Amino acid sequence: MRELTSVDFNADVGEANDKEGIAVERSLLSFVTSVHVACGGHAGDETSMGDTVEAALTHGVSVGAHPSYPDREGFGRRHMAMAPHLLTNVLIGQLGAFGAVCHQHGAGLRSVKPHGALYSEVGKGGQAFDALRAAMRVSCLPSTRLVLPAGSAAAHLCRQQGVPMLEEGFCDRAYADDGTLVDRDQLGAVLQDPEQAARQAVKLVAGGTIDTLCVHGDSPGAVALAEAVRRALEQAGVAVRAPAGAPT
């Protein structure tokens, strides 16, 4: 185990379409250091993107994009068989739209984290990874970080290729023995006990490969989870802050 030093704490937001859900997302901004904002694929539109970016800036929270397969009906959690060039074009559209919103608000697009099924596919390091990288080359600064599952094939490729990245762990999702996330369809896949989530967060950071921890804005009790995780990390001597040197 490494000495605990610092970690980014991120939330996936801009996905809610009701007052209660939006209120939860706004409350998370008091505890996290970065957010990834849905940019039209599975959720979100120009208005929600702008409102979320503005709120994040008010709290001093770094801003990133959360693109996905074009699957609003399935909330981006269904794999879609798309030709790589078509997927690239879809992602260019999402990243371009979000980048324009960031520019309007004077925010830097600091990272890109794929959502749902796309996150899983990109992590494998195959065609989906190549498609997202191609979209980022068009739509983002070269220094923009790609957020990937810790220990994934894609993370290994990024190290080989010198691609800026962050390896991610989840404090509100259960892990299988092989280190993969338990499928959401299985009982207990989403952690709801704040203290359990806090213990997992500290354990993940201590394991030595995690650059950023995630809490999902739509997880049950997300705010209580985030508060417990932030408190536990700080009590363990971990500085919770956005990655240094992110593009502005």
C-alpha atoms as a PDB file:
ATOM      1  CA  MET A   1       0.000   0.000   0.000  1.00  0.00           C
ATOM      2  CA  ARG A   2       1.253   3.462  -0.854  1.00  0.00           C
ATOM      3  CA  GLU A   3       1.363   6.435   1.438  1.00  0.00           C
ATOM      4  CA  LEU A   4      -1.944   8.260   1.156  1.00  0.00           C
ATOM      5  CA  THR A   5      -1.381  11.690  -0.397  1.00  0.00           C
ATOM      6  CA  SER A   6      -4.068  13.131  -2.655  1.00  0.00           C
ATOM      7  CA  VAL A   7      -6.975  12.131  -4.853  1.00  0.00           C
ATOM      8  CA  ASP A   8      -9.561  13.801  -7.039  1.00  0.00           C
ATOM      9  CA  PHE A   9     -13.207  13.219  -6.078  1.00  0.00           C
ATOM     10  CA  ASN A  10     -15.627  13.410  -8.996  1.00  0.00           C
ATOM     11  CA  ALA A  11     -19.361  13.154  -9.592  1.00  0.00           C
ATOM     12  CA  ASP A  12     -21.337  12.409 -12.745  1.00  0.00           C
ATOM     13  CA  VAL A  13     -23.911  15.190 -13.033  1.00  0.00           C
ATOM     14  CA  GLY A  14     -26.098  17.091 -15.477  1.00  0.00           C
ATOM     15  CA  GLU A  15     -28.221  13.973 -15.792  1.00  0.00           C
ATOM     16  CA  ALA A  16     -31.222  14.893 -13.643  1.00  0.00           C
ATOM     17  CA  ASN A  17     -34.391  16.268 -15.199  1.00  0.00           C
ATOM     18  CA  ASP A  18     -36.430  16.958 -12.067  1.00  0.00           C
ATOM     19  CA  LYS A  19     -36.077  19.456  -9.224  1.00  0.00           C
ATOM     20  CA  GLU A  20     -35.182  16.846  -6.626  1.00  0.00           C
ATOM     21  CA  GLY A  21     -32.480  15.277  -8.763  1.00  0.00           C
ATOM     22  CA  ILE A  22     -31.015  18.643  -9.702  1.00  0.00           C
ATOM     23  CA  ALA A  23     -30.940  19.623  -6.023  1.00  0.00           C
ATOM     24  CA  VAL A  24     -28.957  16.470  -5.236  1.00  0.00           C
ATOM     25  CA  GLU A  25     -26.454  17.255  -7.986  1.00  0.00           C
ATOM     26  CA  ARG A  26     -25.996  20.794  -6.705  1.00  0.00           C
ATOM     27  CA  SER A  27     -25.468  19.553  -3.153  1.00  0.00           C
ATOM     28  CA  LEU A  28     -22.698  17.221  -4.341  1.00  0.00           C
ATOM     29  CA  LEU A  29     -20.703  20.252  -5.443  1.00  0.00           C
ATOM     30  CA  SER A  30     -19.934  20.975  -1.786  1.00  0.00           C
ATOM     31  CA  PHE A  31     -17.978  17.719  -1.485  1.00  0.00           C
ATOM     32  CA  VAL A  32     -16.429  16.859  -4.854  1.00  0.00           C
ATOM     33  CA  THR A  33     -13.504  18.489  -6.629  1.00  0.00           C
ATOM     34  CA  SER A  34     -14.521  17.752 -10.213  1.00  0.00           C
ATOM     35  CA  VAL A  35     -17.628  16.866 -12.185  1.00  0.00           C
ATOM     36  CA  HIS A  36     -18.361  15.194 -15.491  1.00  0.00           C
ATOM     37  CA  VAL A  37     -21.386  16.689 -17.165  1.00  0.00           C
ATOM     38  CA  ALA A  38     -23.790  14.792 -19.428  1.00  0.00           C
ATOM     39  CA  CYS A  39     -23.550  16.374 -22.869  1.00  0.00           C
ATOM     40  CA  GLY A  40     -26.538  15.133 -24.809  1.00  0.00           C
ATOM     41  CA  GLY A  41     -25.937  11.466 -25.509  1.00  0.00           C
ATOM     42  CA  HIS A  42     -27.745   9.820 -22.599  1.00  0.00           C
ATOM     43  CA  ALA A  43     -28.978  12.985 -20.886  1.00  0.00           C
ATOM     44  CA  GLY A  44     -28.539  16.736 -20.876  1.00  0.00           C
ATOM     45  CA  ASP A  45     -28.975  19.623 -23.266  1.00  0.00           C
ATOM     46  CA  GLU A  46     -27.505  23.089 -23.758  1.00  0.00           C
ATOM     47  CA  THR A  47     -29.485  24.525 -20.849  1.00  0.00           C
ATOM     48  CA  SER A  48     -28.600  21.791 -18.347  1.00  0.00           C
ATOM     49  CA  MET A  49     -24.965  21.883 -19.418  1.00  0.00           C
ATOM     50  CA  GLY A  50     -24.775  25.630 -18.927  1.00  0.00           C
ATOM     51  CA  ASP A  51     -26.540  25.589 -15.572  1.00  0.00           C
ATOM     52  CA  THR A  52     -24.318  22.761 -14.311  1.00  0.00           C
ATOM     53  CA  VAL A  53     -21.083  24.372 -15.471  1.00  0.00           C
ATOM     54  CA  GLU A  54     -22.086  27.668 -13.868  1.00  0.00           C
ATOM     55  CA  ALA A  55     -22.881  25.949 -10.570  1.00  0.00           C
ATOM     56  CA  ALA A  56     -19.595  24.022 -10.643  1.00  0.00           C
ATOM     57  CA  LEU A  57     -17.586  27.183 -11.215  1.00  0.00           C
ATOM     58  CA  THR A  58     -19.357  28.865  -8.298  1.00  0.00           C
ATOM     59  CA  HIS A  59     -18.127  26.043  -6.043  1.00  0.00           C
ATOM     60  CA  GLY A  60     -14.603  26.012  -7.482  1.00  0.00           C
ATOM     61  CA  VAL A  61     -15.141  22.559  -8.985  1.00  0.00           C
ATOM     62  CA  SER A  62     -13.297  21.435 -12.132  1.00  0.00           C
ATOM     63  CA  VAL A  63     -15.403  20.600 -15.173  1.00  0.00           C
ATOM     64  CA  GLY A  64     -15.241  17.652 -17.550  1.00  0.00           C
ATOM     65  CA  ALA A  65     -17.416  16.080 -20.240  1.00  0.00           C
ATOM     66  CA  HIS A  66     -19.482  12.902 -19.865  1.00  0.00           C
ATOM     67  CA  PRO A  67     -20.236  11.669 -23.407  1.00  0.00           C
ATOM     68  CA  SER A  68     -22.037   8.439 -24.203  1.00  0.00           C
ATOM     69  CA  TYR A  69     -23.639   6.341 -26.854  1.00  0.00           C
ATOM     70  CA  PRO A  70     -26.645   8.202 -28.329  1.00  0.00           C
ATOM     71  CA  ASP A  71     -29.069   6.317 -26.100  1.00  0.00           C
ATOM     72  CA  ARG A  72     -31.391   8.543 -24.114  1.00  0.00           C
ATOM     73  CA  GLU A  73     -34.014   5.821 -23.856  1.00  0.00           C
ATOM     74  CA  GLY A  74     -31.595   3.421 -22.179  1.00  0.00           C
ATOM     75  CA  PHE A  75     -29.696   6.153 -20.302  1.00  0.00           C
ATOM     76  CA  GLY A  76     -26.528   5.160 -22.121  1.00  0.00           C
ATOM     77  CA  ARG A  77     -26.307   1.834 -20.329  1.00  0.00           C
ATOM     78  CA  ARG A  78     -26.903  -0.337 -23.399  1.00  0.00           C
ATOM     79  CA  HIS A  79     -24.092  -1.298 -25.743  1.00  0.00           C
ATOM     80  CA  MET A  80     -24.621   0.017 -29.258  1.00  0.00           C
ATOM     81  CA  ALA A  81     -22.914  -1.566 -32.257  1.00  0.00           C
ATOM     82  CA  MET A  82     -21.733   1.472 -34.210  1.00  0.00           C
ATOM     83  CA  ALA A  83     -19.156   1.794 -36.963  1.00  0.00           C
ATOM     84  CA  PRO A  84     -16.095   3.500 -35.459  1.00  0.00           C
ATOM     85  CA  HIS A  85     -16.316   6.547 -37.731  1.00  0.00           C
ATOM     86  CA  LEU A  86     -19.977   7.044 -36.847  1.00  0.00           C
ATOM     87  CA  LEU A  87     -19.240   6.790 -33.137  1.00  0.00           C
ATOM     88  CA  THR A  88     -16.410   9.286 -33.540  1.00  0.00           C
ATOM     89  CA  ASN A  89     -18.760  11.735 -35.246  1.00  0.00           C
ATOM     90  CA  VAL A  90     -21.371  11.329 -32.487  1.00  0.00           C
ATOM     91  CA  LEU A  91     -18.740  11.985 -29.828  1.00  0.00           C
ATOM     92  CA  ILE A  92     -17.334  14.981 -31.694  1.00  0.00           C
ATOM     93  CA  GLY A  93     -20.830  16.423 -31.623  1.00  0.00           C
ATOM     94  CA  GLN A  94     -21.219  15.903 -27.892  1.00  0.00           C
ATOM     95  CA  LEU A  95     -17.758  17.152 -26.976  1.00  0.00           C
ATOM     96  CA  GLY A  96     -18.089  20.093 -29.332  1.00  0.00           C
ATOM     97  CA  ALA A  97     -21.424  21.113 -27.821  1.00  0.00           C
ATOM     98  CA  PHE A  98     -20.063  20.874 -24.297  1.00  0.00           C
ATOM     99  CA  GLY A  99     -16.858  22.664 -25.238  1.00  0.00           C
ATOM    100  CA  ALA A 100     -18.900  25.554 -26.606  1.00  0.00           C
ATOM    101  CA  VAL A 101     -20.836  25.784 -23.335  1.00  0.00           C
ATOM    102  CA  CYS A 102     -17.580  25.760 -21.362  1.00  0.00           C
ATOM    103  CA  HIS A 103     -16.219  28.556 -23.554  1.00  0.00           C
ATOM    104  CA  GLN A 104     -19.350  30.650 -22.981  1.00  0.00           C
ATOM    105  CA  HIS A 105     -18.868  30.358 -19.230  1.00  0.00           C
ATOM    106  CA  GLY A 106     -15.104  30.781 -19.195  1.00  0.00           C
ATOM    107  CA  ALA A 107     -14.535  27.207 -18.011  1.00  0.00           C
ATOM    108  CA  GLY A 108     -11.778  24.845 -19.051  1.00  0.00           C
ATOM    109  CA  LEU A 109     -12.804  21.396 -20.278  1.00  0.00           C
ATOM    110  CA  ARG A 110     -10.362  19.527 -18.082  1.00  0.00           C
ATOM    111  CA  SER A 111     -11.258  15.858 -18.594  1.00  0.00           C
ATOM    112  CA  VAL A 112     -13.434  13.463 -20.564  1.00  0.00           C
ATOM    113  CA  LYS A 113     -15.116  10.483 -18.957  1.00  0.00           C
ATOM    114  CA  PRO A 114     -17.303   8.220 -21.090  1.00  0.00           C
ATOM    115  CA  HIS A 115     -20.604   7.143 -19.569  1.00  0.00           C
ATOM    116  CA  GLY A 116     -22.220   3.778 -18.953  1.00  0.00           C
ATOM    117  CA  ALA A 117     -21.801   1.178 -21.682  1.00  0.00           C
ATOM    118  CA  LEU A 118     -19.362   3.397 -23.544  1.00  0.00           C
ATOM    119  CA  TYR A 119     -17.174   3.614 -20.429  1.00  0.00           C
ATOM    120  CA  SER A 120     -16.966  -0.171 -20.339  1.00  0.00           C
ATOM    121  CA  GLU A 121     -16.219  -0.470 -24.054  1.00  0.00           C
ATOM    122  CA  VAL A 122     -13.608   2.281 -24.053  1.00  0.00           C
ATOM    123  CA  GLY A 123     -11.903   0.603 -21.102  1.00  0.00           C
ATOM    124  CA  LYS A 124     -11.267  -2.485 -23.243  1.00  0.00           C
ATOM    125  CA  GLY A 125      -8.918  -0.483 -25.442  1.00  0.00           C
ATOM    126  CA  GLY A 126     -10.526  -1.463 -28.753  1.00  0.00           C
ATOM    127  CA  GLN A 127     -12.467   0.413 -31.402  1.00  0.00           C
ATOM    128  CA  ALA A 128     -14.522   2.442 -28.936  1.00  0.00           C
ATOM    129  CA  PHE A 129     -11.304   3.684 -27.303  1.00  0.00           C
ATOM    130  CA  ASP A 130      -9.918   4.634 -30.727  1.00  0.00           C
ATOM    131  CA  ALA A 131     -13.169   6.412 -31.619  1.00  0.00           C
ATOM    132  CA  LEU A 132     -13.160   8.475 -28.437  1.00  0.00           C
ATOM    133  CA  ARG A 133      -9.493   9.344 -28.815  1.00  0.00           C
ATOM    134  CA  ALA A 134     -10.161  10.497 -32.385  1.00  0.00           C
ATOM    135  CA  ALA A 135     -13.046  12.668 -31.169  1.00  0.00           C
ATOM    136  CA  MET A 136     -10.890  14.169 -28.419  1.00  0.00           C
ATOM    137  CA  ARG A 137      -8.150  15.048 -30.905  1.00  0.00           C
ATOM    138  CA  VAL A 138     -10.705  17.113 -32.807  1.00  0.00           C
ATOM    139  CA  SER A 139     -12.588  18.622 -29.872  1.00  0.00           C
ATOM    140  CA  CYS A 140     -10.177  18.905 -26.914  1.00  0.00           C
ATOM    141  CA  LEU A 141      -6.766  20.227 -26.010  1.00  0.00           C
ATOM    142  CA  PRO A 142      -3.986  17.594 -26.143  1.00  0.00           C
ATOM    143  CA  SER A 143      -3.583  17.915 -22.362  1.00  0.00           C
ATOM    144  CA  THR A 144      -7.220  17.025 -21.628  1.00  0.00           C
ATOM    145  CA  ARG A 145      -7.286  13.937 -19.461  1.00  0.00           C
ATOM    146  CA  LEU A 146      -9.215  10.786 -20.309  1.00  0.00           C
ATOM    147  CA  VAL A 147     -10.838   9.119 -17.292  1.00  0.00           C
ATOM    148  CA  LEU A 148     -10.663   5.311 -17.434  1.00  0.00           C
ATOM    149  CA  PRO A 149     -11.277   2.277 -15.232  1.00  0.00           C
ATOM    150  CA  ALA A 150      -8.221   1.683 -13.060  1.00  0.00           C
ATOM    151  CA  GLY A 151      -6.066  -1.142 -14.379  1.00  0.00           C
ATOM    152  CA  SER A 152      -7.942  -1.332 -17.683  1.00  0.00           C
ATOM    153  CA  ALA A 153      -6.474  -2.180 -21.068  1.00  0.00           C
ATOM    154  CA  ALA A 154      -7.176   1.383 -22.162  1.00  0.00           C
ATOM    155  CA  ALA A 155      -5.254   2.780 -19.204  1.00  0.00           C
ATOM    156  CA  HIS A 156      -2.294   0.606 -20.211  1.00  0.00           C
ATOM    157  CA  LEU A 157      -2.518   1.917 -23.792  1.00  0.00           C
ATOM    158  CA  CYS A 158      -2.565   5.496 -22.537  1.00  0.00           C
ATOM    159  CA  ARG A 159       0.602   4.910 -20.542  1.00  0.00           C
ATOM    160  CA  GLN A 160       2.278   3.419 -23.624  1.00  0.00           C
ATOM    161  CA  GLN A 161       1.139   6.261 -25.858  1.00  0.00           C
ATOM    162  CA  GLY A 162       1.712   9.119 -23.434  1.00  0.00           C
ATOM    163  CA  VAL A 163      -1.977  10.052 -23.363  1.00  0.00           C
ATOM    164  CA  PRO A 164      -2.963  12.107 -20.283  1.00  0.00           C
ATOM    165  CA  MET A 165      -5.373  10.084 -18.179  1.00  0.00           C
ATOM    166  CA  LEU A 166      -6.815   9.480 -14.755  1.00  0.00           C
ATOM    167  CA  GLU A 167      -7.429   5.986 -13.402  1.00  0.00           C
ATOM    168  CA  GLU A 168     -10.765   5.847 -11.633  1.00  0.00           C
ATOM    169  CA  GLY A 169     -12.304   3.915  -8.782  1.00  0.00           C
ATOM    170  CA  PHE A 170     -15.907   3.935  -7.559  1.00  0.00           C
ATOM    171  CA  CYS A 171     -16.858   4.475  -3.950  1.00  0.00           C
ATOM    172  CA  ASP A 172     -20.556   3.717  -4.554  1.00  0.00           C
ATOM    173  CA  ARG A 173     -20.279   0.576  -6.686  1.00  0.00           C
ATOM    174  CA  ALA A 174     -19.477  -2.983  -5.581  1.00  0.00           C
ATOM    175  CA  TYR A 175     -16.457  -4.748  -7.052  1.00  0.00           C
ATOM    176  CA  ALA A 176     -16.227  -8.415  -8.019  1.00  0.00           C
ATOM    177  CA  ASP A 177     -13.249 -10.538  -6.953  1.00  0.00           C
ATOM    178  CA  ASP A 178     -11.561  -9.952 -10.326  1.00  0.00           C
ATOM    179  CA  GLY A 179     -11.629  -6.180  -9.809  1.00  0.00           C
ATOM    180  CA  THR A 180     -14.462  -5.474 -12.246  1.00  0.00           C
ATOM    181  CA  LEU A 181     -17.657  -3.707 -11.253  1.00  0.00           C
ATOM    182  CA  VAL A 182     -20.594  -5.885 -10.261  1.00  0.00           C
ATOM    183  CA  ASP A 183     -23.323  -5.602 -12.893  1.00  0.00           C
ATOM    184  CA  ARG A 184     -26.003  -3.086 -11.935  1.00  0.00           C
ATOM    185  CA  ASP A 185     -28.668  -5.767 -12.356  1.00  0.00           C
ATOM    186  CA  GLN A 186     -27.263  -7.716  -9.412  1.00  0.00           C
ATOM    187  CA  LEU A 187     -28.332  -7.174  -5.820  1.00  0.00           C
ATOM    188  CA  GLY A 188     -25.879  -4.990  -3.922  1.00  0.00           C
ATOM    189  CA  ALA A 189     -24.193  -3.612  -7.035  1.00  0.00           C
ATOM    190  CA  VAL A 190     -24.796  -0.042  -5.859  1.00  0.00           C
ATOM    191  CA  LEU A 191     -23.551   0.721  -2.346  1.00  0.00           C
ATOM    192  CA  GLN A 192     -26.034   2.646  -0.223  1.00  0.00           C
ATOM    193  CA  ASP A 193     -24.344   2.617   3.202  1.00  0.00           C
ATOM    194  CA  PRO A 194     -22.248   5.801   3.535  1.00  0.00           C
ATOM    195  CA  GLU A 195     -19.760   4.195   5.906  1.00  0.00           C
ATOM    196  CA  GLN A 196     -19.268   1.214   3.586  1.00  0.00           C
ATOM    197  CA  ALA A 197     -18.666   3.587   0.693  1.00  0.00           C
ATOM    198  CA  ALA A 198     -16.218   5.590   2.808  1.00  0.00           C
ATOM    199  CA  ARG A 199     -14.231   2.481   3.770  1.00  0.00           C
ATOM    200  CA  GLN A 200     -14.087   1.392   0.135  1.00  0.00           C
ATOM    201  CA  ALA A 201     -12.899   4.837  -0.950  1.00  0.00           C
ATOM    202  CA  VAL A 202      -9.985   4.847   1.491  1.00  0.00           C
ATOM    203  CA  LYS A 203      -9.084   1.275   0.526  1.00  0.00           C
ATOM    204  CA  LEU A 204      -9.094   2.117  -3.182  1.00  0.00           C
ATOM    205  CA  VAL A 205      -6.837   5.142  -2.729  1.00  0.00           C
ATOM    206  CA  ALA A 206      -4.483   3.153  -0.512  1.00  0.00           C
ATOM    207  CA  GLY A 207      -4.221   0.476  -3.198  1.00  0.00           C
ATOM    208  CA  GLY A 208      -1.971   2.724  -5.248  1.00  0.00           C
ATOM    209  CA  THR A 209      -3.611   3.044  -8.668  1.00  0.00           C
ATOM    210  CA  ILE A 210      -6.513   5.429  -8.156  1.00  0.00           C
ATOM    211  CA  ASP A 211      -6.226   9.037  -9.338  1.00  0.00           C
ATOM    212  CA  THR A 212      -9.908   9.905  -9.019  1.00  0.00           C
ATOM    213  CA  LEU A 213     -12.882   8.518  -7.107  1.00  0.00           C
ATOM    214  CA  CYS A 214     -16.446   8.705  -8.382  1.00  0.00           C
ATOM    215  CA  VAL A 215     -19.825   9.089  -6.765  1.00  0.00           C
ATOM    216  CA  HIS A 216     -22.843   8.928  -9.069  1.00  0.00           C
ATOM    217  CA  GLY A 217     -25.327  11.761  -8.805  1.00  0.00           C
ATOM    218  CA  ASP A 218     -28.202   9.312  -9.257  1.00  0.00           C
ATOM    219  CA  SER A 219     -27.067   6.860  -6.561  1.00  0.00           C
ATOM    220  CA  PRO A 220     -29.492   6.485  -3.620  1.00  0.00           C
ATOM    221  CA  GLY A 221     -28.379   8.826  -0.846  1.00  0.00           C
ATOM    222  CA  ALA A 222     -25.632  10.297  -3.037  1.00  0.00           C
ATOM    223  CA  VAL A 223     -25.091  13.365  -0.864  1.00  0.00           C
ATOM    224  CA  ALA A 224     -24.705  11.351   2.349  1.00  0.00           C
ATOM    225  CA  LEU A 225     -22.290   9.032   0.525  1.00  0.00           C
ATOM    226  CA  ALA A 226     -20.218  11.946  -0.755  1.00  0.00           C
ATOM    227  CA  GLU A 227     -20.081  13.603   2.653  1.00  0.00           C
ATOM    228  CA  ALA A 228     -18.959  10.369   4.338  1.00  0.00           C
ATOM    229  CA  VAL A 229     -16.333   9.670   1.685  1.00  0.00           C
ATOM    230  CA  ARG A 230     -14.893  13.183   1.825  1.00  0.00           C
ATOM    231  CA  ARG A 231     -14.723  13.054   5.628  1.00  0.00           C
ATOM    232  CA  ALA A 232     -13.071   9.619   5.660  1.00  0.00           C
ATOM    233  CA  LEU A 233     -10.459  10.597   3.093  1.00  0.00           C
ATOM    234  CA  GLU A 234      -9.501  13.733   4.987  1.00  0.00           C
ATOM    235  CA  GLN A 235      -9.361  11.837   8.277  1.00  0.00           C
ATOM    236  CA  ALA A 236      -7.008   9.362   6.592  1.00  0.00           C
ATOM    237  CA  GLY A 237      -4.705  12.228   5.641  1.00  0.00           C
ATOM    238  CA  VAL A 238      -5.671  12.331   1.961  1.00  0.00           C
ATOM    239  CA  ALA A 239      -5.749  15.750   0.313  1.00  0.00           C
ATOM    240  CA  VAL A 240      -8.912  15.848  -1.792  1.00  0.00           C
ATOM    241  CA  ARG A 241      -8.293  18.107  -4.786  1.00  0.00           C
ATOM    242  CA  ALA A 242      -8.592  18.307  -8.518  1.00  0.00           C
ATOM    243  CA  PRO A 243      -5.556  17.071 -10.471  1.00  0.00           C
ATOM    244  CA  ALA A 244      -2.773  19.622 -10.777  1.00  0.00           C
ATOM    245  CA  GLY A 245      -1.924  20.975 -14.176  1.00  0.00           C
ATOM    246  CA  ALA A 246      -5.315  20.395 -15.759  1.00  0.00           C
ATOM    247  CA  PRO A 247      -5.965  22.610 -18.799  1.00  0.00           C
ATOM    248  CA  THR A 248      -7.726  25.906 -18.248  1.00  0.00           C
END
